[in-house]
Amino acid sequence: MSIFAVPIIAVLALVQANGQAAAPAPERDPSAGLVVAELFTSQACRFCPSANAWFADAAEGRADMLALAYGVDYWDVIHGWRDEYAHPDFAARQKAYVKAGEARRVFTPHFVINGGPERIRFSPERMQAAFEAAAPLAQVSAVRDNGAITIHLEGAAPEGGADVWVIHFAPGRHVRVIETGANEGVEMTHYNMVRAIEHAGLWSGGVQTFEAAWPDDASLSSAVLVQAGEGGRLVAAGRVTRNSAVAQRH
């Protein structure tokens, strides 16, 4: 069931000798699985507005890409601006990636593709190449029915099992004017900003069902990530869909 991202060597091979990215591949069929792009960002980071804007442009309208952005809180005190999206849980998720991967310390903007540990310095060309080189993940069946999310997994799990995470996020674009700090006066784009993470359990392989609560905020969307250990590779992913019978009643 595990399908991992292509190594970074393959990513770099997609970049032409003149430093420009190779022509983007056509959009993949989302029924083959999703590629997950996670972005760790901060309203107090002067490099993040351009990265956030690229992230929104790259992900918007792509059914084969699950884009999730996390606000981190460690720049808030330094730059005198409290990031409204930041939460310690999101910084902890980034620190787990750093501990498992190539980076020596946390930084922003920090992109992670399919949970891969590679430290990819941000540029539109590098990120486009990394996304196109990544293999789609196995699909997760996750359905919302009334107030609960039911997740169904089956197949072979990684050695030691895999964590099942439910990610609740504000879908689409949101623009905020930063009032002070490094980005004072900047209109900053945010896209699919994560608002909460819930650990639904440990998948040990075979057929298992997990449940998670639907968020109180009806404007949020949800996704499921199945991850091979703390800071590990993602082995499966899926968007939470609504039970058709429930959807018809609303």
Protein backbone atom coordinates (compact mmCIF):
# COMPACT_ATOMS: atom_id res chain seq x y z
CA MET A 1 0.00 0.00 0.00
CA SER A 2 2.93 2.34 0.61
CA ILE A 3 3.91 4.54 -2.32
CA PHE A 4 6.76 6.90 -1.51
CA ALA A 5 7.95 10.10 -3.14
CA VAL A 6 10.68 9.93 -5.75
CA PRO A 7 14.12 10.78 -4.23
CA ILE A 8 15.36 14.34 -4.53
CA ILE A 9 17.90 13.27 -7.18
CA ALA A 10 14.98 12.61 -9.50
CA VAL A 11 13.54 16.02 -8.63
CA LEU A 12 16.74 17.78 -9.58
CA ALA A 13 16.89 15.83 -12.83
CA LEU A 14 13.72 17.60 -13.88
CA VAL A 15 15.44 20.99 -13.74
CA GLN A 16 17.05 22.01 -17.00
CA ALA A 17 20.72 22.96 -17.21
CA ASN A 18 19.88 26.68 -17.45
CA GLY A 19 18.21 26.53 -14.03
CA GLN A 20 14.67 26.75 -15.34
CA ALA A 21 12.05 24.19 -14.42
CA ALA A 22 11.07 21.60 -16.96
CA ALA A 23 7.64 22.02 -18.52
CA PRO A 24 4.94 21.07 -15.99
CA ALA A 25 3.44 17.65 -16.49
CA PRO A 26 -0.31 17.51 -17.18
CA GLU A 27 -2.59 17.15 -14.20
CA ARG A 28 -2.82 13.56 -13.03
CA ASP A 29 -6.02 11.65 -12.52
CA PRO A 30 -6.89 12.11 -8.81
CA SER A 31 -8.41 8.63 -8.76
CA ALA A 32 -4.81 7.35 -8.93
CA GLY A 33 -4.11 9.01 -5.58
CA LEU A 34 -3.04 12.40 -4.25
CA VAL A 35 0.29 14.11 -3.83
CA VAL A 36 0.39 15.96 -0.49
CA ALA A 37 2.17 19.31 -0.25
CA GLU A 38 2.57 20.70 3.27
CA LEU A 39 3.80 24.25 3.85
CA PHE A 40 5.02 25.58 7.20
CA THR A 41 4.68 29.35 7.11
CA SER A 42 4.38 32.45 9.26
CA GLN A 43 2.84 35.89 8.92
CA ALA A 44 6.00 37.21 10.60
CA CYS A 45 8.37 35.67 8.02
CA ARG A 46 9.48 38.08 5.31
CA PHE A 47 10.08 35.27 2.82
CA CYS A 48 6.63 33.72 3.28
CA PRO A 49 4.30 36.06 1.34
CA SER A 50 5.79 35.03 -2.02
CA ALA A 51 5.85 31.35 -1.02
CA ASN A 52 2.23 31.48 0.14
CA ALA A 53 1.14 33.14 -3.09
CA TRP A 54 2.92 30.51 -5.18
CA PHE A 55 1.38 27.76 -3.07
CA ALA A 56 -2.13 29.07 -3.70
CA ASP A 57 -1.54 29.48 -7.45
CA ALA A 58 0.03 26.02 -7.78
CA ALA A 59 -2.64 24.18 -5.81
CA GLU A 60 -5.82 25.99 -6.74
CA GLY A 61 -7.94 23.89 -9.06
CA ARG A 62 -5.61 20.86 -9.02
CA ALA A 63 -7.65 17.84 -7.98
CA ASP A 64 -4.50 15.69 -7.75
CA MET A 65 -2.81 17.90 -5.14
CA LEU A 66 -3.75 18.06 -1.46
CA ALA A 67 -2.27 21.35 -0.22
CA LEU A 68 -2.11 22.05 3.52
CA ALA A 69 -0.48 25.08 5.15
CA TYR A 70 0.43 25.33 8.83
CA GLY A 71 1.11 28.55 10.72
CA VAL A 72 4.06 28.27 13.11
CA ASP A 73 4.40 30.41 16.22
CA TYR A 74 8.12 30.70 16.88
CA TRP A 75 8.58 33.95 14.90
CA ASP A 76 5.78 35.77 16.73
CA VAL A 77 7.79 37.11 19.67
CA ILE A 78 10.88 37.91 17.59
CA HIS A 79 8.99 40.01 15.03
CA GLY A 80 6.24 41.41 17.25
CA TRP A 81 3.28 40.05 15.33
CA ARG A 82 0.98 37.27 16.50
CA ASP A 83 0.15 34.94 13.61
CA GLU A 84 -3.58 34.25 13.81
CA TYR A 85 -3.14 30.82 12.22
CA ALA A 86 -0.21 29.66 14.33
CA HIS A 87 -0.45 26.86 16.88
CA PRO A 88 2.20 24.96 18.88
CA ASP A 89 0.90 21.66 17.45
CA PHE A 90 1.84 22.81 13.95
CA ALA A 91 5.34 23.83 15.00
CA ALA A 92 5.69 20.43 16.68
CA ARG A 93 4.76 18.73 13.40
CA GLN A 94 7.45 20.70 11.59
CA LYS A 95 10.03 19.89 14.26
CA ALA A 96 9.28 16.19 13.79
CA TYR A 97 10.04 16.56 10.06
CA VAL A 98 13.26 18.41 10.83
CA LYS A 99 14.37 15.76 13.32
CA ALA A 100 13.70 12.98 10.79
CA GLY A 101 15.12 14.74 7.76
CA GLU A 102 17.91 16.82 6.29
CA ALA A 103 17.25 20.24 7.83
CA ARG A 104 19.28 21.20 10.90
CA ARG A 105 16.69 23.60 12.31
CA VAL A 106 13.16 24.82 11.71
CA PHE A 107 12.75 27.47 9.02
CA THR A 108 10.07 29.14 6.94
CA PRO A 109 8.86 28.78 4.29
CA HIS A 110 9.33 25.02 4.62
CA PHE A 111 7.71 22.74 2.03
CA VAL A 112 7.32 19.00 2.59
CA ILE A 113 6.15 16.73 -0.25
CA ASN A 114 4.52 13.42 0.74
CA GLY A 115 6.21 13.64 4.13
CA GLY A 116 9.64 13.45 2.50
CA PRO A 117 12.62 14.53 4.61
CA GLU A 118 14.41 16.44 1.83
CA ARG A 119 15.27 20.07 2.56
CA ILE A 120 14.06 21.82 -0.57
CA ARG A 121 14.91 25.53 -0.67
CA PHE A 122 11.92 27.46 -1.95
CA SER A 123 11.73 28.61 -5.51
CA PRO A 124 8.78 28.14 -7.86
CA GLU A 125 10.94 26.04 -10.17
CA ARG A 126 12.17 23.69 -7.46
CA MET A 127 8.72 23.27 -5.94
CA GLN A 128 7.04 22.61 -9.27
CA ALA A 129 9.66 19.99 -10.10
CA ALA A 130 9.31 18.36 -6.67
CA PHE A 131 5.56 18.13 -6.99
CA GLU A 132 5.66 16.67 -10.49
CA ALA A 133 8.30 14.10 -9.47
CA ALA A 134 6.33 12.82 -6.47
CA ALA A 135 4.38 9.58 -6.79
CA PRO A 136 0.69 9.66 -5.86
CA LEU A 137 -0.10 8.12 -2.49
CA ALA A 138 -2.45 5.25 -1.82
CA GLN A 139 -6.00 6.46 -1.28
CA VAL A 140 -7.82 6.70 2.03
CA SER A 141 -11.58 6.24 2.26
CA ALA A 142 -12.89 8.85 4.72
CA VAL A 143 -16.56 9.82 4.93
CA ARG A 144 -18.39 12.38 7.02
CA ASP A 145 -21.76 11.16 8.27
CA ASN A 146 -23.58 13.55 10.63
CA GLY A 147 -21.06 14.53 13.32
CA ALA A 148 -18.42 11.87 12.74
CA ILE A 149 -15.68 11.07 10.24
CA THR A 150 -15.22 7.37 9.50
CA ILE A 151 -11.89 6.27 8.07
CA HIS A 152 -11.38 2.87 6.44
CA LEU A 153 -7.92 1.41 5.87
CA GLU A 154 -6.82 -1.96 4.56
CA GLY A 155 -3.66 -3.57 3.27
CA ALA A 156 -0.10 -3.79 4.54
CA ALA A 157 1.08 -1.13 6.97
CA PRO A 158 4.73 -0.03 7.35
CA GLU A 159 6.81 -1.84 9.94
CA GLY A 160 5.79 -0.49 13.34
CA GLY A 161 2.44 0.72 12.02
CA ALA A 162 1.33 4.13 10.85
CA ASP A 163 -0.28 7.12 12.53
CA VAL A 164 -3.68 8.21 11.25
CA TRP A 165 -4.02 12.01 11.32
CA VAL A 166 -7.15 14.01 10.62
CA ILE A 167 -6.38 17.55 9.43
CA HIS A 168 -9.05 20.26 9.61
CA PHE A 169 -8.39 23.30 7.41
CA ALA A 170 -9.99 26.48 6.09
CA PRO A 171 -10.37 25.78 2.36
CA GLY A 172 -9.38 28.22 -0.34
CA ARG A 173 -7.72 31.62 -0.33
CA HIS A 174 -7.77 34.07 2.56
CA VAL A 175 -5.99 37.42 2.39
CA ARG A 176 -4.82 39.29 5.49
CA VAL A 177 -3.07 42.65 5.83
CA ILE A 178 -0.14 42.31 8.24
CA GLU A 179 -0.13 45.37 10.48
CA THR A 180 3.37 45.27 11.94
CA GLY A 181 6.62 43.31 12.00
CA ALA A 182 8.69 42.16 9.03
CA ASN A 183 5.66 42.16 6.70
CA GLU A 184 4.06 45.41 7.86
CA GLY A 185 1.52 46.60 5.28
CA VAL A 186 1.74 43.45 3.16
CA GLU A 187 -1.43 41.80 1.88
CA MET A 188 -0.55 38.17 2.56
CA THR A 189 -2.31 35.30 0.81
CA HIS A 190 -3.13 32.17 2.80
CA TYR A 191 -4.37 28.94 1.26
CA ASN A 192 -5.91 25.87 2.95
CA MET A 193 -4.70 26.99 6.36
CA VAL A 194 -4.80 24.18 8.92
CA ARG A 195 -6.82 24.96 12.04
CA ALA A 196 -6.52 21.68 13.98
CA ILE A 197 -4.84 18.27 13.89
CA GLU A 198 -6.36 15.18 15.47
CA HIS A 199 -4.65 11.82 15.99
CA ALA A 200 -7.23 9.16 15.16
CA GLY A 201 -5.13 6.11 16.05
CA LEU A 202 -2.40 3.73 14.96
CA TRP A 203 -2.93 1.51 11.93
CA SER A 204 -1.17 -1.83 12.30
CA GLY A 205 -2.21 -3.25 8.92
CA GLY A 206 -5.11 -5.26 7.63
CA VAL A 207 -8.66 -3.92 7.77
CA GLN A 208 -9.21 -1.21 10.39
CA THR A 209 -11.78 1.53 10.91
CA PHE A 210 -11.10 4.78 12.75
CA GLU A 211 -13.40 7.57 13.83
CA ALA A 212 -12.84 11.27 14.46
CA ALA A 213 -15.16 14.11 15.38
CA TRP A 214 -16.25 16.59 12.75
CA PRO A 215 -15.12 20.12 13.69
CA ASP A 216 -17.64 22.51 15.21
CA ASP A 217 -16.81 25.09 12.54
CA ALA A 218 -18.92 24.06 9.55
CA SER A 219 -16.78 26.14 7.18
CA LEU A 220 -13.78 23.83 7.62
CA SER A 221 -12.82 20.94 5.35
CA SER A 222 -10.93 17.84 6.45
CA ALA A 223 -8.35 15.41 5.12
CA VAL A 224 -6.68 12.24 6.37
CA LEU A 225 -2.94 11.57 6.32
CA VAL A 226 -1.48 8.15 7.14
CA GLN A 227 2.13 8.54 8.21
CA ALA A 228 4.93 6.07 8.88
CA GLY A 229 5.98 7.33 12.30
CA GLU A 230 6.70 10.77 13.70
CA GLY A 231 8.12 12.92 10.93
CA GLY A 232 7.99 9.95 8.55
CA ARG A 233 6.83 9.44 5.00
CA LEU A 234 3.15 9.61 4.16
CA VAL A 235 1.86 6.29 2.92
CA ALA A 236 -1.73 7.24 2.14
CA ALA A 237 -3.96 10.31 2.02
CA GLY A 238 -7.49 11.32 1.19
CA ARG A 239 -10.00 14.12 1.42
CA VAL A 240 -12.99 13.60 3.69
CA THR A 241 -16.15 13.38 1.61
CA ARG A 242 -19.72 13.78 2.78
CA ASN A 243 -22.13 10.88 2.86
CA SER A 244 -24.42 11.47 -0.13
CA ALA A 245 -27.54 10.89 1.95
CA VAL A 246 -26.41 13.50 4.47
CA ALA A 247 -25.52 15.95 1.73
CA GLN A 248 -28.99 15.62 0.18
CA ARG A 249 -30.67 16.51 3.47
CA HIS A 250 -28.87 19.84 3.71
